[in-house]
Structures are given as structure tokens and as C-alpha cells.
């Protein structure tokens, strides 16, 4: 039987998720070589910018070693990450774009509750609930990646507009925008214009949840801190937003890059329209740098965004 399976990578090829940003392909290979003979190890990097996307593939020579790698390395803590090791799926269009963005979730919902709610639609590869760093509470926003796009479509069909038990508000479930893919900019612009029109509906109320009162905003660097850096994270400045931009759009754009502490759209006091700029605070420097690298020059609606670290005035 072993001979017959020789050409079949499905029993030897593993996908490794949640790798630390700084981990190299060689380090990935040596970590898995400790279990058995590795035929190949590939760290997936952004095609344009070259940074690690935080996952990779390891193909073992023997199926038994692949199984042992899953049992010994899955759940291993590396730096601040807990890695996830599982059998890789054949790469095909079936699995592309299976990442969902969910908003309007009850604040008490945990990551486990989230997975429980979605698990009947298919195999969940990973999930993330965005948390307010200050209070430790959920922001009511999450991402879930399914094994296959068809599973994600199923989840959207059944859960978008669904009101979870014990909650008074319906949740929004849609495909997450992937800033690295140009063809998604159209989806972003639809989302962007779509949201401004639907006043009064549930979408508008969910956007309300994202509004921060100016009092609660930590004006980074007002204490003359080092440029953009403060104890609460790295502040990113986004310029050239459209006047209908809201916090939900900033979450959608920056959330996939890493831990976001808060987002803020600067609005005109009289009209409540966006004045063309906003701020996003991210916990990790690498993730913030990555987001800037990927999103600076990104087209949102009919505007080209300028994204950079916020620098403190008069302080060099």
C-alpha cells in the first residue's frame, strides 16, 4: 500500500499556520526535521513586498512522520504565537478566498463560541476575534477562514443577518477583503459605497458600535513620545479617505495584518462626514509595518490612500 501512495502528497504534506512573522524558511525546515526526513519546506511570502504571510508547507518523506509532526508540533508556542499544524489541502480555486469577516457579534462571544456557531458549515482553518487591548473585551468583530470557499459561502448564506441566541442584533457575515488582491478593490469600493447608503438599517447601527468618543482616544505622542510609538502600540496615519469612510472599513483593511488596538475616523463636527483621514493603532511593529507596506497606495473607492506611521510633531 505504501508504494501505491507514493505519488499522493495528501498523507505527507502539512500546512503550518500562525508562524511568527520573523521565522525564516530554514528555521521552519529545521523545526520539522527534528521529527523526520523533510522532503521540502516552503514559507509563503507576499509576492510583492516579500514579507512572510505567517504560514508555510512542509512535505515529509514518510506519512508516519507527518502524522507525528501533527501530534508533536500542533499547538507549539513560538514567540507570541501558537502554531497550528494540519494536513494540507490540494491547492485549487476551491479553497481560495474562503476568509470571512463577521461584525455585530455579542461582546461576550469567545473565539470558541464563534467556532461553535460556524463549525457546522465546514472545516475551520483558523479564526480570530478582535479584542480591545485596554478592556480585554471583544470588539464584536471577527475573521474566520474555512477550508473551502463553498463552506464559507454556505456560512454567509445561513448566518448573514442571523441574530445569535441571547443577542438583540443580527450579525453581518461577508467575505473579507484581501488587500493584496487588486480584483478585490472592486469589492472594497462596493462595500465602501454600499455602507454609506444604507442609513437606518442594521448596518448603520453596527457602524455606530465602532465610533469612539474623542475623549477615549489616546492621542499618540501628545506627550512627545518617540514617533508613533507609545506603550499602547504603533499609531498609523491614513490619509485620503472618502467622506463616507467609517471605522468598519479601517477594521476590514487593517484587521487581517494583525492585532489592532483601535481605529478612529476623523469626522467633521457639523456634517459628521469623514474629513479624509483616520488613525489605526496596532500592537506589533512588524504587523504595523506590514500593513503600511501593503496598504500605502491602495485604491479605496475612487481614492488612492496614503498610509504611514504617525510622527509626533516637533519631536525628532
C-alpha atoms as a PDB file:
ATOM      1  CA  UNK A   1       0.000   0.000   0.000  1.00  0.00           C
ATOM      2  CA  UNK A   2       2.850   2.357   0.878  1.00  0.00           C
ATOM      3  CA  UNK A   3       4.101   2.022  -2.731  1.00  0.00           C
ATOM      4  CA  UNK A   4       0.718   2.926  -4.170  1.00  0.00           C
ATOM      5  CA  UNK A   5       0.508   6.014  -2.011  1.00  0.00           C
ATOM      6  CA  UNK A   6       3.920   7.231  -3.121  1.00  0.00           C
ATOM      7  CA  UNK A   7       2.609   9.904  -5.504  1.00  0.00           C
ATOM      8  CA  UNK A   8      -0.080  11.047  -3.126  1.00  0.00           C
ATOM      9  CA  UNK A   9       1.087  14.044  -1.105  1.00  0.00           C
ATOM     10  CA  UNK A  10      -2.104  14.164   0.914  1.00  0.00           C
ATOM     11  CA  UNK A  11      -0.600  11.982   3.659  1.00  0.00           C
ATOM     12  CA  UNK A  12       2.783  13.697   3.847  1.00  0.00           C
ATOM     13  CA  UNK A  13       2.124  17.366   3.068  1.00  0.00           C
ATOM     14  CA  UNK A  14       1.369  19.635   6.014  1.00  0.00           C
ATOM     15  CA  UNK A  15       0.242  23.227   6.258  1.00  0.00           C
ATOM     16  CA  UNK A  16       1.594  25.233   9.195  1.00  0.00           C
ATOM     17  CA  UNK A  17      -0.387  28.301  10.277  1.00  0.00           C
ATOM     18  CA  UNK A  18       0.272  31.158  12.745  1.00  0.00           C
ATOM     19  CA  UNK A  19       4.051  31.232  12.298  1.00  0.00           C
ATOM     20  CA  UNK A  20       5.888  34.167  13.904  1.00  0.00           C
ATOM     21  CA  UNK A  21       6.461  36.961  11.376  1.00  0.00           C
ATOM     22  CA  UNK A  22      10.242  36.720  11.810  1.00  0.00           C
ATOM     23  CA  UNK A  23      10.568  32.967  11.209  1.00  0.00           C
ATOM     24  CA  UNK A  24      12.557  32.020   8.099  1.00  0.00           C
ATOM     25  CA  UNK A  25      12.104  29.100   5.720  1.00  0.00           C
ATOM     26  CA  UNK A  26      15.289  27.473   7.044  1.00  0.00           C
ATOM     27  CA  UNK A  27      14.013  27.704  10.600  1.00  0.00           C
ATOM     28  CA  UNK A  28      10.717  26.181   9.521  1.00  0.00           C
ATOM     29  CA  UNK A  29      12.584  23.322   7.874  1.00  0.00           C
ATOM     30  CA  UNK A  30      14.836  22.634  10.847  1.00  0.00           C
ATOM     31  CA  UNK A  31      11.906  22.688  13.284  1.00  0.00           C
ATOM     32  CA  UNK A  32      10.150  19.927  11.317  1.00  0.00           C
ATOM     33  CA  UNK A  33      13.343  17.991  10.528  1.00  0.00           C
ATOM     34  CA  UNK A  34      13.518  17.231  14.250  1.00  0.00           C
ATOM     35  CA  UNK A  35      10.580  14.849  13.656  1.00  0.00           C
ATOM     36  CA  UNK A  36      11.740  13.067  10.495  1.00  0.00           C
ATOM     37  CA  UNK A  37      13.049  13.426   6.922  1.00  0.00           C
ATOM     38  CA  UNK A  38      11.648  16.543   5.291  1.00  0.00           C
ATOM     39  CA  UNK A  39      11.387  16.457   1.505  1.00  0.00           C
ATOM     40  CA  UNK A  40      10.547  20.161   1.184  1.00  0.00           C
ATOM     41  CA  UNK A  41       9.641  23.158   3.333  1.00  0.00           C
ATOM     42  CA  UNK A  42       8.180  26.335   1.910  1.00  0.00           C
ATOM     43  CA  UNK A  43       7.419  29.555   3.758  1.00  0.00           C
ATOM     44  CA  UNK A  44       4.771  31.599   1.939  1.00  0.00           C
ATOM     45  CA  UNK A  45       5.752  35.211   1.361  1.00  0.00           C
ATOM     46  CA  UNK A  46       3.945  38.212  -0.057  1.00  0.00           C
ATOM     47  CA  UNK A  47       4.701  38.209  -3.791  1.00  0.00           C
ATOM     48  CA  UNK A  48       5.269  41.940  -3.911  1.00  0.00           C
ATOM     49  CA  UNK A  49       6.649  43.001  -0.555  1.00  0.00           C
ATOM     50  CA  UNK A  50       8.433  39.755   0.312  1.00  0.00           C
ATOM     51  CA  UNK A  51       7.325  39.560   3.953  1.00  0.00           C
ATOM     52  CA  UNK A  52       6.222  36.271   5.499  1.00  0.00           C
ATOM     53  CA  UNK A  53       2.466  35.716   5.410  1.00  0.00           C
ATOM     54  CA  UNK A  54       2.723  33.639   8.590  1.00  0.00           C
ATOM     55  CA  UNK A  55       2.169  30.203   7.092  1.00  0.00           C
ATOM     56  CA  UNK A  56       4.014  27.541   5.135  1.00  0.00           C
ATOM     57  CA  UNK A  57       4.028  23.966   3.871  1.00  0.00           C
ATOM     58  CA  UNK A  58       6.198  21.060   4.958  1.00  0.00           C
ATOM     59  CA  UNK A  59       6.248  17.824   2.963  1.00  0.00           C
ATOM     60  CA  UNK A  60       7.655  14.764   4.731  1.00  0.00           C
ATOM     61  CA  UNK A  61       9.149  11.695   3.071  1.00  0.00           C
ATOM     62  CA  UNK A  62       7.129   9.314   5.282  1.00  0.00           C
ATOM     63  CA  UNK A  63       3.425   9.574   6.165  1.00  0.00           C
ATOM     64  CA  UNK A  64       4.150   8.310   9.691  1.00  0.00           C
ATOM     65  CA  UNK A  65       6.483  11.281  10.303  1.00  0.00           C
ATOM     66  CA  UNK A  66       3.845  13.703   9.013  1.00  0.00           C
ATOM     67  CA  UNK A  67       1.357  12.287  11.495  1.00  0.00           C
ATOM     68  CA  UNK A  68       3.901  12.508  14.293  1.00  0.00           C
ATOM     69  CA  UNK A  69       4.665  16.125  13.368  1.00  0.00           C
ATOM     70  CA  UNK A  70       0.981  16.968  13.775  1.00  0.00           C
ATOM     71  CA  UNK A  71       0.775  15.284  17.168  1.00  0.00           C
ATOM     72  CA  UNK A  72       4.021  16.791  18.498  1.00  0.00           C
ATOM     73  CA  UNK A  73       4.141  20.270  16.922  1.00  0.00           C
ATOM     74  CA  UNK A  74       0.498  21.333  16.622  1.00  0.00           C
ATOM     75  CA  UNK A  75      -0.199  23.839  19.417  1.00  0.00           C
ATOM     76  CA  UNK A  76       3.505  24.575  19.998  1.00  0.00           C
ATOM     77  CA  UNK A  77       4.128  28.118  21.277  1.00  0.00           C
ATOM     78  CA  UNK A  78       6.703  30.079  19.278  1.00  0.00           C
ATOM     79  CA  UNK A  79       7.349  33.628  20.454  1.00  0.00           C
ATOM     80  CA  UNK A  80       3.844  35.042  20.925  1.00  0.00           C
ATOM     81  CA  UNK A  81       2.158  32.609  18.521  1.00  0.00           C
ATOM     82  CA  UNK A  82       0.644  29.162  18.918  1.00  0.00           C
ATOM     83  CA  UNK A  83       1.286  27.326  15.670  1.00  0.00           C
ATOM     84  CA  UNK A  84      -1.288  25.113  14.010  1.00  0.00           C
ATOM     85  CA  UNK A  85      -0.152  22.036  12.060  1.00  0.00           C
ATOM     86  CA  UNK A  86      -2.533  20.024   9.881  1.00  0.00           C
ATOM     87  CA  UNK A  87      -2.663  18.108   6.609  1.00  0.00           C
ATOM     88  CA  UNK A  88      -2.518  20.498   3.662  1.00  0.00           C
ATOM     89  CA  UNK A  89      -5.329  20.553   1.178  1.00  0.00           C
ATOM     90  CA  UNK A  90      -4.736  20.322  -2.554  1.00  0.00           C
ATOM     91  CA  UNK A  91      -4.316  23.870  -3.807  1.00  0.00           C
ATOM     92  CA  UNK A  92      -7.091  24.838  -6.150  1.00  0.00           C
ATOM     93  CA  UNK A  93      -9.671  27.520  -6.736  1.00  0.00           C
ATOM     94  CA  UNK A  94     -11.929  25.581  -4.415  1.00  0.00           C
ATOM     95  CA  UNK A  95     -10.055  26.892  -1.415  1.00  0.00           C
ATOM     96  CA  UNK A  96      -9.254  30.451  -2.499  1.00  0.00           C
ATOM     97  CA  UNK A  97     -10.956  33.364  -0.753  1.00  0.00           C
ATOM     98  CA  UNK A  98     -12.584  31.346   1.990  1.00  0.00           C
ATOM     99  CA  UNK A  99     -11.933  34.048   4.605  1.00  0.00           C
ATOM    100  CA  UNK A 100     -14.962  35.658   6.265  1.00  0.00           C
ATOM    101  CA  UNK A 101     -15.373  38.953   8.116  1.00  0.00           C
ATOM    102  CA  UNK A 102     -18.051  38.945  10.820  1.00  0.00           C
ATOM    103  CA  UNK A 103     -19.319  42.050  12.613  1.00  0.00           C
ATOM    104  CA  UNK A 104     -22.068  42.870  15.096  1.00  0.00           C
ATOM    105  CA  UNK A 105     -21.195  39.921  17.351  1.00  0.00           C
ATOM    106  CA  UNK A 106     -22.237  39.983  21.024  1.00  0.00           C
ATOM    107  CA  UNK A 107     -19.315  41.300  23.113  1.00  0.00           C
ATOM    108  CA  UNK A 108     -19.452  38.240  25.357  1.00  0.00           C
ATOM    109  CA  UNK A 109     -18.810  35.841  22.475  1.00  0.00           C
ATOM    110  CA  UNK A 110     -15.491  33.972  22.772  1.00  0.00           C
ATOM    111  CA  UNK A 111     -13.383  32.516  19.979  1.00  0.00           C
ATOM    112  CA  UNK A 112     -14.683  29.066  20.930  1.00  0.00           C
ATOM    113  CA  UNK A 113     -18.323  30.279  20.781  1.00  0.00           C
ATOM    114  CA  UNK A 114     -17.574  31.752  17.371  1.00  0.00           C
ATOM    115  CA  UNK A 115     -16.173  28.467  16.057  1.00  0.00           C
ATOM    116  CA  UNK A 116     -19.108  26.573  17.569  1.00  0.00           C
ATOM    117  CA  UNK A 117     -21.501  28.855  15.683  1.00  0.00           C
ATOM    118  CA  UNK A 118     -19.732  28.316  12.342  1.00  0.00           C
ATOM    119  CA  UNK A 119     -18.409  24.765  12.587  1.00  0.00           C
ATOM    120  CA  UNK A 120     -21.474  23.085  11.039  1.00  0.00           C
ATOM    121  CA  UNK A 121     -20.682  24.700   7.687  1.00  0.00           C
ATOM    122  CA  UNK A 122     -17.298  23.043   7.267  1.00  0.00           C
ATOM    123  CA  UNK A 123     -13.739  22.725   8.462  1.00  0.00           C
ATOM    124  CA  UNK A 124     -12.428  25.920  10.094  1.00  0.00           C
ATOM    125  CA  UNK A 125      -8.733  26.560   9.387  1.00  0.00           C
ATOM    126  CA  UNK A 126      -8.385  29.498  11.760  1.00  0.00           C
ATOM    127  CA  UNK A 127     -10.392  32.201  13.465  1.00  0.00           C
ATOM    128  CA  UNK A 128      -9.762  35.446  15.296  1.00  0.00           C
ATOM    129  CA  UNK A 129     -11.932  37.682  17.466  1.00  0.00           C
ATOM    130  CA  UNK A 130     -10.660  41.274  17.576  1.00  0.00           C
ATOM    131  CA  UNK A 131     -10.188  42.398  21.164  1.00  0.00           C
ATOM    132  CA  UNK A 132      -9.968  45.838  22.721  1.00  0.00           C
ATOM    133  CA  UNK A 133      -6.485  45.859  24.282  1.00  0.00           C
ATOM    134  CA  UNK A 134      -7.492  48.257  27.053  1.00  0.00           C
ATOM    135  CA  UNK A 135     -10.558  46.423  28.343  1.00  0.00           C
ATOM    136  CA  UNK A 136      -9.759  42.919  27.094  1.00  0.00           C
ATOM    137  CA  UNK A 137     -13.306  42.749  25.701  1.00  0.00           C
ATOM    138  CA  UNK A 138     -14.324  41.620  22.254  1.00  0.00           C
ATOM    139  CA  UNK A 139     -14.951  44.368  19.738  1.00  0.00           C
ATOM    140  CA  UNK A 140     -17.762  42.343  18.195  1.00  0.00           C
ATOM    141  CA  UNK A 141     -15.687  41.758  15.062  1.00  0.00           C
ATOM    142  CA  UNK A 142     -14.004  38.537  13.906  1.00  0.00           C
ATOM    143  CA  UNK A 143     -12.386  36.704  10.986  1.00  0.00           C
ATOM    144  CA  UNK A 144     -12.882  33.019  10.138  1.00  0.00           C
ATOM    145  CA  UNK A 145     -11.087  31.091   7.413  1.00  0.00           C
ATOM    146  CA  UNK A 146     -12.733  27.942   6.094  1.00  0.00           C
ATOM    147  CA  UNK A 147     -11.136  25.022   4.317  1.00  0.00           C
ATOM    148  CA  UNK A 148     -13.148  25.616   1.127  1.00  0.00           C
ATOM    149  CA  UNK A 149     -14.810  28.588  -0.430  1.00  0.00           C
ATOM    150  CA  UNK A 150     -18.072  26.638  -0.783  1.00  0.00           C
ATOM    151  CA  UNK A 151     -18.156  26.191   3.005  1.00  0.00           C
ATOM    152  CA  UNK A 152     -17.620  29.911   3.535  1.00  0.00           C
ATOM    153  CA  UNK A 153     -20.399  30.676   1.026  1.00  0.00           C
ATOM    154  CA  UNK A 154     -22.682  28.350   2.975  1.00  0.00           C
ATOM    155  CA  UNK A 155     -21.896  30.191   6.218  1.00  0.00           C
ATOM    156  CA  UNK A 156     -22.633  33.576   4.595  1.00  0.00           C
ATOM    157  CA  UNK A 157     -25.927  32.265   3.223  1.00  0.00           C
ATOM    158  CA  UNK A 158     -27.121  30.934   6.577  1.00  0.00           C
ATOM    159  CA  UNK A 159     -25.617  33.332   9.104  1.00  0.00           C
ATOM    160  CA  UNK A 160     -25.557  36.772   7.450  1.00  0.00           C
ATOM    161  CA  UNK A 161     -28.401  38.733   9.073  1.00  0.00           C
ATOM    162  CA  UNK A 162     -28.896  35.948  11.653  1.00  0.00           C
ATOM    163  CA  UNK A 163     -29.414  37.010  15.282  1.00  0.00           C
ATOM    164  CA  UNK A 164     -27.377  34.820  17.667  1.00  0.00           C
ATOM    165  CA  UNK A 165     -29.216  33.410  20.735  1.00  0.00           C
ATOM    166  CA  UNK A 166     -29.309  35.972  23.526  1.00  0.00           C
ATOM    167  CA  UNK A 167     -28.478  38.857  21.217  1.00  0.00           C
ATOM    168  CA  UNK A 168     -30.802  41.580  20.002  1.00  0.00           C
ATOM    169  CA  UNK A 169     -28.826  42.444  16.887  1.00  0.00           C
ATOM    170  CA  UNK A 170     -28.287  40.485  13.677  1.00  0.00           C
ATOM    171  CA  UNK A 171     -24.686  39.791  12.701  1.00  0.00           C
ATOM    172  CA  UNK A 172     -23.121  40.638   9.355  1.00  0.00           C
ATOM    173  CA  UNK A 173     -21.153  37.847   7.663  1.00  0.00           C
ATOM    174  CA  UNK A 174     -19.315  38.556   4.420  1.00  0.00           C
ATOM    175  CA  UNK A 175     -16.151  37.690   2.555  1.00  0.00           C
ATOM    176  CA  UNK A 176     -13.158  39.531   3.982  1.00  0.00           C
ATOM    177  CA  UNK A 177     -11.417  41.906   1.637  1.00  0.00           C
ATOM    178  CA  UNK A 178      -7.905  40.783   0.859  1.00  0.00           C
ATOM    179  CA  UNK A 179      -5.837  43.944   0.378  1.00  0.00           C
ATOM    180  CA  UNK A 180      -3.181  42.023  -1.570  1.00  0.00           C
ATOM    181  CA  UNK A 181      -5.504  41.258  -4.442  1.00  0.00           C
ATOM    182  CA  UNK A 182      -6.280  44.038  -6.854  1.00  0.00           C
ATOM    183  CA  UNK A 183      -9.505  42.447  -8.024  1.00  0.00           C
ATOM    184  CA  UNK A 184     -10.824  42.814  -4.519  1.00  0.00           C
ATOM    185  CA  UNK A 185     -10.516  46.571  -4.666  1.00  0.00           C
ATOM    186  CA  UNK A 186     -13.788  46.488  -6.528  1.00  0.00           C
ATOM    187  CA  UNK A 187     -15.379  44.596  -3.690  1.00  0.00           C
ATOM    188  CA  UNK A 188     -13.917  47.120  -1.274  1.00  0.00           C
ATOM    189  CA  UNK A 189     -15.379  50.006  -3.206  1.00  0.00           C
ATOM    190  CA  UNK A 190     -18.770  48.320  -3.344  1.00  0.00           C
ATOM    191  CA  UNK A 191     -18.641  47.772   0.361  1.00  0.00           C
ATOM    192  CA  UNK A 192     -17.475  51.311   0.774  1.00  0.00           C
ATOM    193  CA  UNK A 193     -20.283  52.926  -1.208  1.00  0.00           C
ATOM    194  CA  UNK A 194     -22.801  50.335  -0.071  1.00  0.00           C
ATOM    195  CA  UNK A 195     -22.407  51.263   3.558  1.00  0.00           C
ATOM    196  CA  UNK A 196     -22.932  54.955   3.148  1.00  0.00           C
ATOM    197  CA  UNK A 197     -26.330  54.491   1.550  1.00  0.00           C
ATOM    198  CA  UNK A 198     -27.933  52.166   3.993  1.00  0.00           C
ATOM    199  CA  UNK A 199     -28.828  54.538   6.776  1.00  0.00           C
ATOM    200  CA  UNK A 200     -31.307  53.364   9.329  1.00  0.00           C
ATOM    201  CA  UNK A 201     -30.691  49.704   8.619  1.00  0.00           C
ATOM    202  CA  UNK A 202     -28.828  47.282  10.871  1.00  0.00           C
ATOM    203  CA  UNK A 203     -25.577  48.030   9.066  1.00  0.00           C
ATOM    204  CA  UNK A 204     -25.716  51.611  10.220  1.00  0.00           C
ATOM    205  CA  UNK A 205     -26.226  50.553  13.819  1.00  0.00           C
ATOM    206  CA  UNK A 206     -23.285  48.252  13.641  1.00  0.00           C
ATOM    207  CA  UNK A 207     -21.127  51.029  12.314  1.00  0.00           C
ATOM    208  CA  UNK A 208     -22.226  53.017  15.356  1.00  0.00           C
ATOM    209  CA  UNK A 209     -20.594  50.453  17.580  1.00  0.00           C
ATOM    210  CA  UNK A 210     -17.244  51.414  16.152  1.00  0.00           C
ATOM    211  CA  UNK A 211     -17.492  55.103  16.960  1.00  0.00           C
ATOM    212  CA  UNK A 212     -15.154  56.194  19.692  1.00  0.00           C
ATOM    213  CA  UNK A 213     -15.748  59.373  21.595  1.00  0.00           C
ATOM    214  CA  UNK A 214     -12.798  61.732  21.115  1.00  0.00           C
ATOM    215  CA  UNK A 215     -12.332  61.650  24.880  1.00  0.00           C
ATOM    216  CA  UNK A 216     -11.418  57.983  24.850  1.00  0.00           C
ATOM    217  CA  UNK A 217      -8.879  58.301  22.070  1.00  0.00           C
ATOM    218  CA  UNK A 218      -5.301  58.124  23.152  1.00  0.00           C
ATOM    219  CA  UNK A 219      -3.694  60.947  21.212  1.00  0.00           C
ATOM    220  CA  UNK A 220      -0.462  59.183  20.466  1.00  0.00           C
ATOM    221  CA  UNK A 221       2.688  61.083  21.031  1.00  0.00           C
ATOM    222  CA  UNK A 222       0.943  64.088  22.569  1.00  0.00           C
ATOM    223  CA  UNK A 223       3.342  63.510  25.414  1.00  0.00           C
ATOM    224  CA  UNK A 224       6.174  63.913  22.923  1.00  0.00           C
ATOM    225  CA  UNK A 225       6.734  60.167  22.597  1.00  0.00           C
ATOM    226  CA  UNK A 226       9.028  58.589  20.041  1.00  0.00           C
ATOM    227  CA  UNK A 227       7.424  58.851  16.620  1.00  0.00           C
ATOM    228  CA  UNK A 228       4.248  56.871  16.586  1.00  0.00           C
ATOM    229  CA  UNK A 229       5.374  54.529  19.312  1.00  0.00           C
ATOM    230  CA  UNK A 230       3.760  54.529  22.708  1.00  0.00           C
ATOM    231  CA  UNK A 231       3.091  51.971  25.377  1.00  0.00           C
ATOM    232  CA  UNK A 232      -0.237  51.231  23.753  1.00  0.00           C
ATOM    233  CA  UNK A 233       1.017  50.448  20.270  1.00  0.00           C
ATOM    234  CA  UNK A 234       2.038  51.907  16.940  1.00  0.00           C
ATOM    235  CA  UNK A 235      -0.148  54.622  15.500  1.00  0.00           C
ATOM    236  CA  UNK A 236      -0.726  54.579  11.743  1.00  0.00           C
ATOM    237  CA  UNK A 237      -1.995  57.611   9.849  1.00  0.00           C
ATOM    238  CA  UNK A 238      -4.319  57.045   6.866  1.00  0.00           C
ATOM    239  CA  UNK A 239      -4.876  59.957   4.517  1.00  0.00           C
ATOM    240  CA  UNK A 240      -7.221  60.498   1.528  1.00  0.00           C
ATOM    241  CA  UNK A 241     -10.194  58.533   2.821  1.00  0.00           C
ATOM    242  CA  UNK A 242     -13.562  59.281   1.181  1.00  0.00           C
ATOM    243  CA  UNK A 243     -16.106  61.292   3.175  1.00  0.00           C
ATOM    244  CA  UNK A 244     -18.258  58.229   3.795  1.00  0.00           C
ATOM    245  CA  UNK A 245     -15.399  56.198   5.289  1.00  0.00           C
ATOM    246  CA  UNK A 246     -16.174  54.712   8.683  1.00  0.00           C
ATOM    247  CA  UNK A 247     -14.390  52.699  11.357  1.00  0.00           C
ATOM    248  CA  UNK A 248     -15.686  49.400   9.990  1.00  0.00           C
ATOM    249  CA  UNK A 249     -13.689  49.943   6.799  1.00  0.00           C
ATOM    250  CA  UNK A 250     -10.472  50.554   8.749  1.00  0.00           C
ATOM    251  CA  UNK A 251     -11.079  47.337  10.713  1.00  0.00           C
ATOM    252  CA  UNK A 252     -11.592  45.450   7.465  1.00  0.00           C
ATOM    253  CA  UNK A 253      -8.423  46.803   5.932  1.00  0.00           C
ATOM    254  CA  UNK A 254      -6.050  46.500   8.899  1.00  0.00           C
ATOM    255  CA  UNK A 255      -7.548  43.554  10.822  1.00  0.00           C
ATOM    256  CA  UNK A 256      -6.050  40.869   8.562  1.00  0.00           C
ATOM    257  CA  UNK A 257      -2.495  42.129   9.245  1.00  0.00           C
ATOM    258  CA  UNK A 258      -2.512  41.604  12.999  1.00  0.00           C
ATOM    259  CA  UNK A 259      -3.634  42.908  16.381  1.00  0.00           C
ATOM    260  CA  UNK A 260      -5.481  46.217  16.058  1.00  0.00           C
ATOM    261  CA  UNK A 261      -5.928  48.197  19.292  1.00  0.00           C
ATOM    262  CA  UNK A 262      -8.268  50.840  17.968  1.00  0.00           C
ATOM    263  CA  UNK A 263      -9.384  52.683  14.858  1.00  0.00           C
ATOM    264  CA  UNK A 264     -10.576  56.253  14.511  1.00  0.00           C
ATOM    265  CA  UNK A 265     -12.047  58.172  11.600  1.00  0.00           C
ATOM    266  CA  UNK A 266     -11.780  61.955  11.978  1.00  0.00           C
ATOM    267  CA  UNK A 267     -15.172  63.500  11.253  1.00  0.00           C
ATOM    268  CA  UNK A 268     -16.398  67.000  10.559  1.00  0.00           C
ATOM    269  CA  UNK A 269     -18.134  68.258  13.686  1.00  0.00           C
ATOM    270  CA  UNK A 270     -21.126  69.653  11.781  1.00  0.00           C
ATOM    271  CA  UNK A 271     -21.712  67.146   8.991  1.00  0.00           C
ATOM    272  CA  UNK A 272     -20.337  64.003  10.677  1.00  0.00           C
ATOM    273  CA  UNK A 273     -18.643  63.171   7.340  1.00  0.00           C
ATOM    274  CA  UNK A 274     -15.079  61.842   7.335  1.00  0.00           C
ATOM    275  CA  UNK A 275     -12.571  64.691   6.865  1.00  0.00           C
ATOM    276  CA  UNK A 276     -10.350  62.481   4.740  1.00  0.00           C
ATOM    277  CA  UNK A 277      -8.137  60.934   7.367  1.00  0.00           C
ATOM    278  CA  UNK A 278      -8.072  58.464  10.205  1.00  0.00           C
ATOM    279  CA  UNK A 279      -5.808  56.575  12.585  1.00  0.00           C
ATOM    280  CA  UNK A 280      -5.270  52.908  13.359  1.00  0.00           C
ATOM    281  CA  UNK A 281      -3.241  51.690  16.338  1.00  0.00           C
ATOM    282  CA  UNK A 282      -1.594  48.258  16.074  1.00  0.00           C
ATOM    283  CA  UNK A 283       0.185  46.373  18.841  1.00  0.00           C
ATOM    284  CA  UNK A 284       3.116  44.929  16.917  1.00  0.00           C
ATOM    285  CA  UNK A 285       5.650  46.928  14.976  1.00  0.00           C
ATOM    286  CA  UNK A 286       6.171  44.207  12.321  1.00  0.00           C
ATOM    287  CA  UNK A 287       2.452  43.867  11.680  1.00  0.00           C
ATOM    288  CA  UNK A 288       2.002  47.643  11.535  1.00  0.00           C
ATOM    289  CA  UNK A 289       4.938  47.977   9.118  1.00  0.00           C
ATOM    290  CA  UNK A 290       3.460  45.202   7.030  1.00  0.00           C
ATOM    291  CA  UNK A 291       0.049  46.874   6.899  1.00  0.00           C
ATOM    292  CA  UNK A 292       1.652  50.176   5.855  1.00  0.00           C
ATOM    293  CA  UNK A 293       3.725  48.454   3.202  1.00  0.00           C
ATOM    294  CA  UNK A 294       0.696  46.684   1.742  1.00  0.00           C
ATOM    295  CA  UNK A 295      -1.903  49.442   2.054  1.00  0.00           C
ATOM    296  CA  UNK A 296       0.037  52.590   1.148  1.00  0.00           C
ATOM    297  CA  UNK A 297      -1.073  53.433  -2.392  1.00  0.00           C
ATOM    298  CA  UNK A 298      -4.095  51.147  -2.089  1.00  0.00           C
ATOM    299  CA  UNK A 299      -7.165  52.269  -4.043  1.00  0.00           C
ATOM    300  CA  UNK A 300     -10.316  52.532  -1.953  1.00  0.00           C
ATOM    301  CA  UNK A 301     -13.359  53.614  -3.931  1.00  0.00           C
ATOM    302  CA  UNK A 302     -12.008  56.359  -6.188  1.00  0.00           C
ATOM    303  CA  UNK A 303      -9.208  57.467  -3.835  1.00  0.00           C
ATOM    304  CA  UNK A 304      -5.616  56.317  -3.515  1.00  0.00           C
ATOM    305  CA  UNK A 305      -4.696  56.039   0.162  1.00  0.00           C
ATOM    306  CA  UNK A 306      -1.542  57.329   1.814  1.00  0.00           C
ATOM    307  CA  UNK A 307      -0.622  55.202   4.812  1.00  0.00           C
ATOM    308  CA  UNK A 308       2.341  55.864   7.123  1.00  0.00           C
ATOM    309  CA  UNK A 309       3.442  55.791  10.753  1.00  0.00           C
ATOM    310  CA  UNK A 310       2.145  58.838  12.576  1.00  0.00           C
ATOM    311  CA  UNK A 311       5.065  61.008  13.690  1.00  0.00           C
ATOM    312  CA  UNK A 312       4.997  63.268  16.711  1.00  0.00           C
ATOM    313  CA  UNK A 313       5.190  66.923  15.810  1.00  0.00           C
ATOM    314  CA  UNK A 314       8.312  68.839  16.693  1.00  0.00           C
ATOM    315  CA  UNK A 315       9.989  65.785  18.081  1.00  0.00           C
ATOM    316  CA  UNK A 316      12.865  64.149  16.305  1.00  0.00           C
END
